[in-house]
Amino acid sequence: MNSNLRCDGPHANGHAALRVLVVEDHPDTAKSTAMLLSLYGHEVDIASDGPTALQAVRTKPPDVVLLDLGLPKMDGWRLAKQLREQSNGKTPFLIAVTGYGRQIDQNRSHEAGIDLHLVKPVEPDILQRILLGFQKAVTPSAEKQAESSRDS
């Protein structure tokens, strides 16, 4: 299943929206997550399995990938490794959103290059705070942009 939900324009915090890829094989979960993220102002695409996600990342590189680990055709850990290998230096922020919560699962996520391992269900406001934190870390503030333009 592929889907694209867009909310153009600035995000509620004044920054441009993040491009997020939701990789989830349960259609209802994928759609509800995409709708929520779209309401928060992000541009969202959905992939239902690893190969589809790899193609989506090549076609339209996301800022963030939310990935389930128990996917058909290719599990989320293998997908994360392949995303890291094909990244050409710009890897999206990888967040596992999964029912796998044991320490061994979290260790596998770390080894696969997943940046953050969250266990379902994830509270929407927590997910949004994580995305905003990532966004602030990678988006220069208006002050810094003004300083750098004055220094030029």
Foldseek 3Di string as FASTA:
>chain_A
DKDKDAQADPFPVRHGAFEEEEAAQPVVVQVVVCVLSVVRGHIYMYHDALVRVVVCCVVPNTQEYEYEQPGPPHGPLRSLLVQVVPVVPRGHQYEYEYQDDDPVVVVSCVVSPHNYYHHPPDDSVVVVVVVVVSVPVPDDDPVVVVVVVVVD
